C-alpha atoms as a PDB file:
ATOM      1  CA  UNK A   1      91.324 106.698 111.365  1.00  0.00           C
ATOM      2  CA  UNK A   2      90.137 103.114 111.446  1.00  0.00           C
ATOM      3  CA  UNK A   3      89.866 101.391 114.487  1.00  0.00           C
ATOM      4  CA  UNK A   4      89.629  98.193 116.238  1.00  0.00           C
ATOM      5  CA  UNK A   5      88.473  97.138 119.741  1.00  0.00           C
ATOM      6  CA  UNK A   6      89.307  93.954 121.965  1.00  0.00           C
ATOM      7  CA  UNK A   7      87.706  94.263 125.385  1.00  0.00           C
ATOM      8  CA  UNK A   8      88.500  98.175 125.732  1.00  0.00           C
ATOM      9  CA  UNK A   9      91.794  98.079 124.250  1.00  0.00           C
ATOM     10  CA  UNK A  10      91.817 100.275 120.648  1.00  0.00           C
ATOM     11  CA  UNK A  11      94.000  98.768 117.962  1.00  0.00           C
ATOM     12  CA  UNK A  12      95.027 101.102 115.156  1.00  0.00           C
ATOM     13  CA  UNK A  13      94.979  99.163 111.562  1.00  0.00           C
ATOM     14  CA  UNK A  14      95.169 100.547 107.743  1.00  0.00           C
ATOM     15  CA  UNK A  15      94.964  98.702 104.701  1.00  0.00           C
ATOM     16  CA  UNK A  16      96.683  98.849 101.023  1.00  0.00           C
ATOM     17  CA  UNK A  17      95.299  97.140  97.696  1.00  0.00           C
ATOM     18  CA  UNK A  18      92.926  94.370  96.895  1.00  0.00           C
ATOM     19  CA  UNK A  19      92.948  90.630  96.736  1.00  0.00           C
ATOM     20  CA  UNK A  20      93.445  88.037  99.226  1.00  0.00           C
ATOM     21  CA  UNK A  21      93.727  89.024 102.520  1.00  0.00           C
ATOM     22  CA  UNK A  22      97.309  89.466 104.181  1.00  0.00           C
ATOM     23  CA  UNK A  23      97.280  90.667 107.560  1.00  0.00           C
ATOM     24  CA  UNK A  24     101.127  91.478 108.967  1.00  0.00           C
ATOM     25  CA  UNK A  25     102.045  91.351 112.728  1.00  0.00           C
ATOM     26  CA  UNK A  26     104.965  93.430 113.826  1.00  0.00           C
ATOM     27  CA  UNK A  27     107.256  92.569 116.726  1.00  0.00           C
ATOM     28  CA  UNK A  28     108.203  93.657 119.613  1.00  0.00           C
ATOM     29  CA  UNK A  29     108.274  97.820 119.870  1.00  0.00           C
ATOM     30  CA  UNK A  30     108.029  98.405 116.101  1.00  0.00           C
ATOM     31  CA  UNK A  31     104.790 100.175 114.778  1.00  0.00           C
ATOM     32  CA  UNK A  32     103.188  98.719 111.907  1.00  0.00           C
ATOM     33  CA  UNK A  33     105.127 101.040 109.733  1.00  0.00           C
ATOM     34  CA  UNK A  34     108.471  98.553 110.081  1.00  0.00           C
ATOM     35  CA  UNK A  35     106.821  97.002 107.328  1.00  0.00           C
ATOM     36  CA  UNK A  36     107.398  99.703 104.580  1.00  0.00           C
ATOM     37  CA  UNK A  37     110.253  97.774 102.513  1.00  0.00           C
ATOM     38  CA  UNK A  38     107.534  95.046 101.537  1.00  0.00           C
ATOM     39  CA  UNK A  39     104.046  96.814 101.638  1.00  0.00           C
ATOM     40  CA  UNK A  40     104.425  98.064  97.971  1.00  0.00           C
ATOM     41  CA  UNK A  41     104.761  94.610  96.435  1.00  0.00           C
ATOM     42  CA  UNK A  42     102.846  92.804  98.768  1.00  0.00           C
ATOM     43  CA  UNK A  43     100.083  95.191  97.831  1.00  0.00           C
ATOM     44  CA  UNK A  44     100.556  94.783  94.189  1.00  0.00           C
ATOM     45  CA  UNK A  45      98.684  91.639  94.722  1.00  0.00           C
ATOM     46  CA  UNK A  46      96.616  91.034  98.280  1.00  0.00           C
ATOM     47  CA  UNK A  47      94.580  93.422 100.269  1.00  0.00           C
ATOM     48  CA  UNK A  48      97.267  93.731 103.242  1.00  0.00           C
ATOM     49  CA  UNK A  49      96.073  94.406 106.579  1.00  0.00           C
ATOM     50  CA  UNK A  50      98.525  95.867 109.283  1.00  0.00           C
ATOM     51  CA  UNK A  51      98.295  97.475 112.736  1.00  0.00           C
ATOM     52  CA  UNK A  52      99.427  98.146 115.649  1.00  0.00           C
ATOM     53  CA  UNK A  53     100.719  95.905 118.554  1.00  0.00           C
ATOM     54  CA  UNK A  54      98.668  97.136 121.954  1.00  0.00           C
ATOM     55  CA  UNK A  55     101.427  99.607 123.303  1.00  0.00           C
ATOM     56  CA  UNK A  56     103.192 100.819 120.287  1.00  0.00           C
ATOM     57  CA  UNK A  57     102.337 103.571 117.855  1.00  0.00           C
ATOM     58  CA  UNK A  58      98.450 104.950 117.985  1.00  0.00           C
ATOM     59  CA  UNK A  59      97.182 101.694 119.682  1.00  0.00           C
ATOM     60  CA  UNK A  60      96.442 102.314 123.077  1.00  0.00           C
ATOM     61  CA  UNK A  61      98.869 101.707 125.795  1.00  0.00           C
ATOM     62  CA  UNK A  62      97.237  99.551 128.607  1.00  0.00           C
ATOM     63  CA  UNK A  63      98.041  98.526 131.805  1.00  0.00           C
ATOM     64  CA  UNK A  64     100.496  94.836 131.635  1.00  0.00           C
ATOM     65  CA  UNK A  65     102.014  92.491 131.073  1.00  0.00           C
ATOM     66  CA  UNK A  66     100.584  92.073 127.628  1.00  0.00           C
ATOM     67  CA  UNK A  67      99.890  88.556 127.122  1.00  0.00           C
ATOM     68  CA  UNK A  68     100.485  87.090 123.592  1.00  0.00           C
ATOM     69  CA  UNK A  69      97.082  85.163 124.081  1.00  0.00           C
ATOM     70  CA  UNK A  70      95.465  88.715 124.513  1.00  0.00           C
ATOM     71  CA  UNK A  71      97.468  89.967 121.329  1.00  0.00           C
ATOM     72  CA  UNK A  72      96.075  87.307 119.254  1.00  0.00           C
ATOM     73  CA  UNK A  73      93.007  88.378 120.316  1.00  0.00           C
ATOM     74  CA  UNK A  74      94.086  91.707 119.029  1.00  0.00           C
ATOM     75  CA  UNK A  75      94.739  90.677 115.952  1.00  0.00           C
ATOM     76  CA  UNK A  76      91.828  88.488 115.835  1.00  0.00           C
ATOM     77  CA  UNK A  77      89.661  91.680 116.325  1.00  0.00           C
ATOM     78  CA  UNK A  78      91.860  93.523 113.768  1.00  0.00           C
ATOM     79  CA  UNK A  79      90.505  90.894 111.132  1.00  0.00           C
ATOM     80  CA  UNK A  80      86.595  91.189 112.243  1.00  0.00           C
ATOM     81  CA  UNK A  81      86.945  95.112 112.041  1.00  0.00           C
ATOM     82  CA  UNK A  82      88.608  94.671 108.034  1.00  0.00           C
ATOM     83  CA  UNK A  83      85.410  92.420 107.661  1.00  0.00           C
ATOM     84  CA  UNK A  84      87.714  89.225 106.834  1.00  0.00           C
ATOM     85  CA  UNK A  85      87.200  85.899 108.184  1.00  0.00           C
ATOM     86  CA  UNK A  86      90.072  84.231 107.201  1.00  0.00           C
ATOM     87  CA  UNK A  87      93.635  86.021 105.899  1.00  0.00           C
ATOM     88  CA  UNK A  88      96.865  84.503 104.956  1.00  0.00           C
ATOM     89  CA  UNK A  89      98.881  85.867 108.205  1.00  0.00           C
ATOM     90  CA  UNK A  90     102.899  86.888 108.416  1.00  0.00           C
ATOM     91  CA  UNK A  91     104.310  87.206 111.539  1.00  0.00           C
ATOM     92  CA  UNK A  92     107.813  88.631 112.619  1.00  0.00           C
ATOM     93  CA  UNK A  93     109.690  88.196 115.702  1.00  0.00           C
ATOM     94  CA  UNK A  94     106.852  88.916 118.725  1.00  0.00           C
ATOM     95  CA  UNK A  95     104.934  88.924 115.234  1.00  0.00           C
ATOM     96  CA  UNK A  96     105.465  85.687 114.977  1.00  0.00           C
ATOM     97  CA  UNK A  97     104.306  84.401 118.332  1.00  0.00           C
ATOM     98  CA  UNK A  98     101.384  86.080 117.973  1.00  0.00           C
ATOM     99  CA  UNK A  99     100.819  84.662 114.492  1.00  0.00           C
ATOM    100  CA  UNK A 100     101.363  81.242 116.275  1.00  0.00           C
ATOM    101  CA  UNK A 101      98.761  81.772 119.492  1.00  0.00           C
ATOM    102  CA  UNK A 102      96.292  83.402 116.454  1.00  0.00           C
ATOM    103  CA  UNK A 103      96.449  79.753 114.854  1.00  0.00           C
ATOM    104  CA  UNK A 104      96.567  78.222 117.716  1.00  0.00           C
ATOM    105  CA  UNK A 105      93.401  79.633 119.465  1.00  0.00           C
ATOM    106  CA  UNK A 106      91.603  80.632 116.412  1.00  0.00           C
ATOM    107  CA  UNK A 107      92.781  78.316 113.596  1.00  0.00           C
ATOM    108  CA  UNK A 108      89.407  79.188 111.367  1.00  0.00           C
ATOM    109  CA  UNK A 109      91.390  82.824 110.813  1.00  0.00           C
ATOM    110  CA  UNK A 110      94.105  81.268 109.281  1.00  0.00           C
ATOM    111  CA  UNK A 111      94.767  80.341 105.763  1.00  0.00           C
ATOM    112  CA  UNK A 112      98.572  80.044 106.207  1.00  0.00           C
ATOM    113  CA  UNK A 113     101.230  81.020 108.274  1.00  0.00           C
ATOM    114  CA  UNK A 114     104.844  82.897 107.380  1.00  0.00           C
ATOM    115  CA  UNK A 115     106.613  82.952 110.898  1.00  0.00           C
ATOM    116  CA  UNK A 116     109.584  85.444 110.693  1.00  0.00           C
ATOM    117  CA  UNK A 117     112.602  85.745 112.802  1.00  0.00           C
ATOM    118  CA  UNK A 118     110.676  83.992 115.812  1.00  0.00           C
ATOM    119  CA  UNK A 119     110.898  81.574 118.392  1.00  0.00           C
ATOM    120  CA  UNK A 120     108.922  78.868 120.048  1.00  0.00           C
ATOM    121  CA  UNK A 121     109.257  80.361 123.846  1.00  0.00           C
ATOM    122  CA  UNK A 122     110.504  83.558 124.706  1.00  0.00           C
ATOM    123  CA  UNK A 123     111.987  82.116 128.316  1.00  0.00           C
ATOM    124  CA  UNK A 124     113.220  79.006 127.149  1.00  0.00           C
ATOM    125  CA  UNK A 125     113.963  79.299 123.383  1.00  0.00           C
ATOM    126  CA  UNK A 126     117.856  80.223 122.460  1.00  0.00           C
ATOM    127  CA  UNK A 127     118.705  83.244 124.035  1.00  0.00           C
ATOM    128  CA  UNK A 128     120.609  86.539 122.255  1.00  0.00           C
ATOM    129  CA  UNK A 129     123.918  86.939 121.935  1.00  0.00           C
ATOM    130  CA  UNK A 130     124.270  89.988 123.999  1.00  0.00           C
ATOM    131  CA  UNK A 131     127.835  89.899 123.736  1.00  0.00           C
ATOM    132  CA  UNK A 132     127.153  91.791 120.041  1.00  0.00           C
ATOM    133  CA  UNK A 133     126.088  95.082 122.502  1.00  0.00           C
ATOM    134  CA  UNK A 134     129.157  97.306 122.350  1.00  0.00           C
ATOM    135  CA  UNK A 135     127.418  99.899 124.505  1.00  0.00           C
ATOM    136  CA  UNK A 136     125.350  99.198 127.750  1.00  0.00           C
ATOM    137  CA  UNK A 137     122.699 101.677 127.938  1.00  0.00           C
ATOM    138  CA  UNK A 138     119.662 101.766 130.901  1.00  0.00           C
ATOM    139  CA  UNK A 139     116.345 102.010 129.443  1.00  0.00           C
ATOM    140  CA  UNK A 140     115.293 104.642 131.852  1.00  0.00           C
ATOM    141  CA  UNK A 141     118.509 106.762 131.764  1.00  0.00           C
ATOM    142  CA  UNK A 142     119.148 106.905 127.807  1.00  0.00           C
ATOM    143  CA  UNK A 143     117.510 108.355 125.353  1.00  0.00           C
ATOM    144  CA  UNK A 144     115.035 106.956 122.592  1.00  0.00           C
ATOM    145  CA  UNK A 145     117.467 107.479 119.714  1.00  0.00           C
ATOM    146  CA  UNK A 146     120.931 106.659 122.446  1.00  0.00           C
ATOM    147  CA  UNK A 147     119.152 103.061 122.981  1.00  0.00           C
ATOM    148  CA  UNK A 148     117.991 102.239 119.845  1.00  0.00           C
ATOM    149  CA  UNK A 149     120.743 102.926 118.225  1.00  0.00           C
ATOM    150  CA  UNK A 150     122.814 100.670 120.712  1.00  0.00           C
ATOM    151  CA  UNK A 151     120.981  97.843 119.703  1.00  0.00           C
ATOM    152  CA  UNK A 152     121.625  98.254 115.944  1.00  0.00           C
ATOM    153  CA  UNK A 153     124.586  95.079 116.302  1.00  0.00           C
ATOM    154  CA  UNK A 154     121.727  92.626 117.766  1.00  0.00           C
ATOM    155  CA  UNK A 155     119.603  93.855 114.885  1.00  0.00           C
ATOM    156  CA  UNK A 156     120.932  93.870 112.094  1.00  0.00           C
ATOM    157  CA  UNK A 157     123.559  91.503 109.635  1.00  0.00           C
ATOM    158  CA  UNK A 158     127.389  93.199 109.338  1.00  0.00           C
ATOM    159  CA  UNK A 159     126.953  93.581 105.870  1.00  0.00           C
ATOM    160  CA  UNK A 160     123.746  95.533 106.491  1.00  0.00           C
ATOM    161  CA  UNK A 161     124.313  98.991 104.160  1.00  0.00           C
ATOM    162  CA  UNK A 162     124.281 102.391 106.982  1.00  0.00           C
ATOM    163  CA  UNK A 163     121.310 103.645 104.903  1.00  0.00           C
ATOM    164  CA  UNK A 164     119.211 101.194 105.254  1.00  0.00           C
ATOM    165  CA  UNK A 165     119.577 101.136 108.665  1.00  0.00           C
ATOM    166  CA  UNK A 166     119.558 104.869 109.421  1.00  0.00           C
ATOM    167  CA  UNK A 167     116.284 105.004 107.022  1.00  0.00           C
ATOM    168  CA  UNK A 168     114.974 101.963 109.511  1.00  0.00           C
ATOM    169  CA  UNK A 169     116.175 104.321 112.737  1.00  0.00           C
ATOM    170  CA  UNK A 170     114.036 107.431 111.089  1.00  0.00           C
ATOM    171  CA  UNK A 171     111.043 105.374 110.381  1.00  0.00           C
ATOM    172  CA  UNK A 172     110.869 104.306 114.147  1.00  0.00           C
ATOM    173  CA  UNK A 173     111.677 107.482 115.703  1.00  0.00           C
ATOM    174  CA  UNK A 174     108.449 109.360 113.756  1.00  0.00           C
ATOM    175  CA  UNK A 175     106.309 106.667 115.659  1.00  0.00           C
ATOM    176  CA  UNK A 176     104.980 106.903 119.185  1.00  0.00           C
ATOM    177  CA  UNK A 177     106.729 104.852 121.262  1.00  0.00           C
ATOM    178  CA  UNK A 178     106.997 104.358 125.497  1.00  0.00           C
ATOM    179  CA  UNK A 179     109.166 102.248 127.632  1.00  0.00           C
ATOM    180  CA  UNK A 180     106.006 101.137 129.632  1.00  0.00           C
ATOM    181  CA  UNK A 181     104.802  99.572 126.570  1.00  0.00           C
ATOM    182  CA  UNK A 182     107.957  98.477 125.567  1.00  0.00           C
ATOM    183  CA  UNK A 183     108.313  96.809 128.695  1.00  0.00           C
ATOM    184  CA  UNK A 184     104.709  95.108 128.896  1.00  0.00           C
ATOM    185  CA  UNK A 185     105.149  93.473 125.352  1.00  0.00           C
ATOM    186  CA  UNK A 186     108.458  91.970 126.203  1.00  0.00           C
ATOM    187  CA  UNK A 187     106.804  91.030 129.663  1.00  0.00           C
ATOM    188  CA  UNK A 188     103.927  88.769 127.660  1.00  0.00           C
ATOM    189  CA  UNK A 189     107.205  87.816 125.394  1.00  0.00           C
ATOM    190  CA  UNK A 190     108.662  86.120 128.678  1.00  0.00           C
ATOM    191  CA  UNK A 191     105.746  84.185 130.051  1.00  0.00           C
ATOM    192  CA  UNK A 192     104.510  82.481 126.746  1.00  0.00           C
ATOM    193  CA  UNK A 193     105.792  79.321 124.926  1.00  0.00           C
ATOM    194  CA  UNK A 194     104.349  77.581 121.688  1.00  0.00           C
ATOM    195  CA  UNK A 195     106.445  74.338 121.897  1.00  0.00           C
ATOM    196  CA  UNK A 196     103.852  71.985 123.652  1.00  0.00           C
ATOM    197  CA  UNK A 197     101.274  72.703 121.307  1.00  0.00           C
ATOM    198  CA  UNK A 198     102.550  73.687 117.884  1.00  0.00           C
ATOM    199  CA  UNK A 199     102.013  69.795 116.857  1.00  0.00           C
ATOM    200  CA  UNK A 200      98.479  70.548 116.611  1.00  0.00           C
ATOM    201  CA  UNK A 201      98.275  72.948 114.111  1.00  0.00           C
ATOM    202  CA  UNK A 202      97.565  72.036 110.494  1.00  0.00           C
ATOM    203  CA  UNK A 203      97.580  74.894 107.999  1.00  0.00           C
ATOM    204  CA  UNK A 204     100.406  75.695 105.527  1.00  0.00           C
ATOM    205  CA  UNK A 205     103.483  77.003 107.232  1.00  0.00           C
ATOM    206  CA  UNK A 206     106.972  78.497 106.354  1.00  0.00           C
ATOM    207  CA  UNK A 207     109.368  79.266 109.361  1.00  0.00           C
ATOM    208  CA  UNK A 208     111.995  82.056 107.662  1.00  0.00           C
ATOM    209  CA  UNK A 209     115.451  83.219 109.329  1.00  0.00           C
ATOM    210  CA  UNK A 210     118.368  85.119 108.992  1.00  0.00           C
ATOM    211  CA  UNK A 211     121.636  83.287 108.979  1.00  0.00           C
ATOM    212  CA  UNK A 212     123.283  86.209 111.278  1.00  0.00           C
ATOM    213  CA  UNK A 213     120.016  87.087 113.539  1.00  0.00           C
ATOM    214  CA  UNK A 214     122.424  87.684 116.935  1.00  0.00           C
ATOM    215  CA  UNK A 215     118.668  88.468 118.549  1.00  0.00           C
ATOM    216  CA  UNK A 216     116.602  85.326 117.904  1.00  0.00           C
ATOM    217  CA  UNK A 217     119.417  82.969 116.758  1.00  0.00           C
ATOM    218  CA  UNK A 218     118.361  80.440 114.061  1.00  0.00           C
ATOM    219  CA  UNK A 219     118.002  77.382 116.840  1.00  0.00           C
ATOM    220  CA  UNK A 220     114.484  78.715 117.800  1.00  0.00           C
ATOM    221  CA  UNK A 221     113.356  79.330 113.875  1.00  0.00           C
ATOM    222  CA  UNK A 222     114.484  75.498 112.978  1.00  0.00           C
ATOM    223  CA  UNK A 223     112.750  74.278 116.142  1.00  0.00           C
ATOM    224  CA  UNK A 224     109.490  75.853 115.322  1.00  0.00           C
ATOM    225  CA  UNK A 225     109.692  74.607 112.278  1.00  0.00           C
ATOM    226  CA  UNK A 226     110.464  71.040 113.336  1.00  0.00           C
ATOM    227  CA  UNK A 227     107.630  70.906 115.555  1.00  0.00           C
ATOM    228  CA  UNK A 228     104.698  72.339 113.004  1.00  0.00           C
ATOM    229  CA  UNK A 229     103.707  69.529 110.963  1.00  0.00           C
ATOM    230  CA  UNK A 230     104.511  70.120 107.246  1.00  0.00           C
ATOM    231  CA  UNK A 231     105.803  73.052 107.987  1.00  0.00           C
ATOM    232  CA  UNK A 232     108.973  74.517 105.667  1.00  0.00           C
ATOM    233  CA  UNK A 233     112.485  76.173 107.022  1.00  0.00           C
ATOM    234  CA  UNK A 234     114.617  78.651 105.076  1.00  0.00           C
ATOM    235  CA  UNK A 235     117.654  80.465 105.958  1.00  0.00           C
ATOM    236  CA  UNK A 236     118.505  83.635 104.523  1.00  0.00           C
ATOM    237  CA  UNK A 237     122.114  84.616 103.914  1.00  0.00           C
ATOM    238  CA  UNK A 238     123.762  87.548 105.240  1.00  0.00           C
ATOM    239  CA  UNK A 239     120.768  88.449 107.042  1.00  0.00           C
ATOM    240  CA  UNK A 240     120.570  89.295 110.726  1.00  0.00           C
ATOM    241  CA  UNK A 241     117.296  89.981 112.825  1.00  0.00           C
ATOM    242  CA  UNK A 242     115.211  92.051 110.642  1.00  0.00           C
ATOM    243  CA  UNK A 243     115.165  90.475 107.711  1.00  0.00           C
ATOM    244  CA  UNK A 244     113.109  92.658 105.369  1.00  0.00           C
ATOM    245  CA  UNK A 245     115.843  95.850 105.682  1.00  0.00           C
ATOM    246  CA  UNK A 246     119.080  93.288 105.608  1.00  0.00           C
ATOM    247  CA  UNK A 247     117.774  91.001 102.290  1.00  0.00           C
ATOM    248  CA  UNK A 248     114.599  93.052 101.231  1.00  0.00           C
ATOM    249  CA  UNK A 249     114.389  91.462  97.562  1.00  0.00           C
ATOM    250  CA  UNK A 250     114.800  87.846  98.700  1.00  0.00           C
ATOM    251  CA  UNK A 251     112.248  88.537 101.532  1.00  0.00           C
ATOM    252  CA  UNK A 252     109.864  89.977  98.873  1.00  0.00           C
ATOM    253  CA  UNK A 253     110.265  86.853  96.837  1.00  0.00           C
ATOM    254  CA  UNK A 254     110.155  84.478  99.961  1.00  0.00           C
ATOM    255  CA  UNK A 255     106.832  85.914 100.729  1.00  0.00           C
ATOM    256  CA  UNK A 256     105.225  86.140  97.122  1.00  0.00           C
ATOM    257  CA  UNK A 257     106.262  82.445  96.815  1.00  0.00           C
ATOM    258  CA  UNK A 258     104.881  81.616  99.791  1.00  0.00           C
ATOM    259  CA  UNK A 259     101.692  83.006  99.308  1.00  0.00           C
ATOM    260  CA  UNK A 260     101.144  81.390  96.180  1.00  0.00           C
ATOM    261  CA  UNK A 261     102.035  78.331  96.494  1.00  0.00           C
ATOM    262  CA  UNK A 262      99.489  78.585 100.103  1.00  0.00           C
ATOM    263  CA  UNK A 263      96.700  79.736  97.650  1.00  0.00           C
ATOM    264  CA  UNK A 264      97.595  76.477  95.781  1.00  0.00           C
ATOM    265  CA  UNK A 265      96.780  74.244  99.050  1.00  0.00           C
ATOM    266  CA  UNK A 266      93.567  75.847  99.696  1.00  0.00           C
ATOM    267  CA  UNK A 267      90.358  73.756  99.039  1.00  0.00           C
END
């Protein structure tokens, strides 16, 4: 199995397809497998590199908190291990925060940024619409399945077919998950902000958000786009937080269109 290492932390990664490199960075508590709906279309024309963040899946679970700056260094280590000097970066939710941090720390590694369902701060951004949670569960007392099912109303649009949601849950159930890894990632989110630094970015950027995102409301994405010079913003209709499940075809089209556009902007 391929692993990259950052300061002693091993990070599982894999790649698919060939062509210009695209690094996919997943969000809080999700492993790389959750890219399964967009991976085939991307791998048809790109070398897609994806990995498990520290604390989830087949990567190590070190002591926390997992600072976003450290997880950006993880992403850089994966790129280096894959033999790529730069890549297009696609980040979802917490992965979008990691992508922002990577572009701020190491702009030479970033060809373009596509930031999905993300924010500029964990603590000071617009908070989730917790009223959507129809049942209260304890992370310590509830089973993993009970806990993940309870969060479905916060993650998906009302119109999302139940069968698609069940497919997502089955993918999640198969990956290694611990409350320690989850809480350490979440602590890193709360301790992070990019708001004051975003105007420094000089890279083709598109921010994408679902119009029914109740976990990270769309206003967060609008602020990110407004703070990055030249960034675009796309609002996806009938989509909640898990965009690639709610509107998979629209997401595929948006990603491919943006990558073609970003490639045309490179010198």
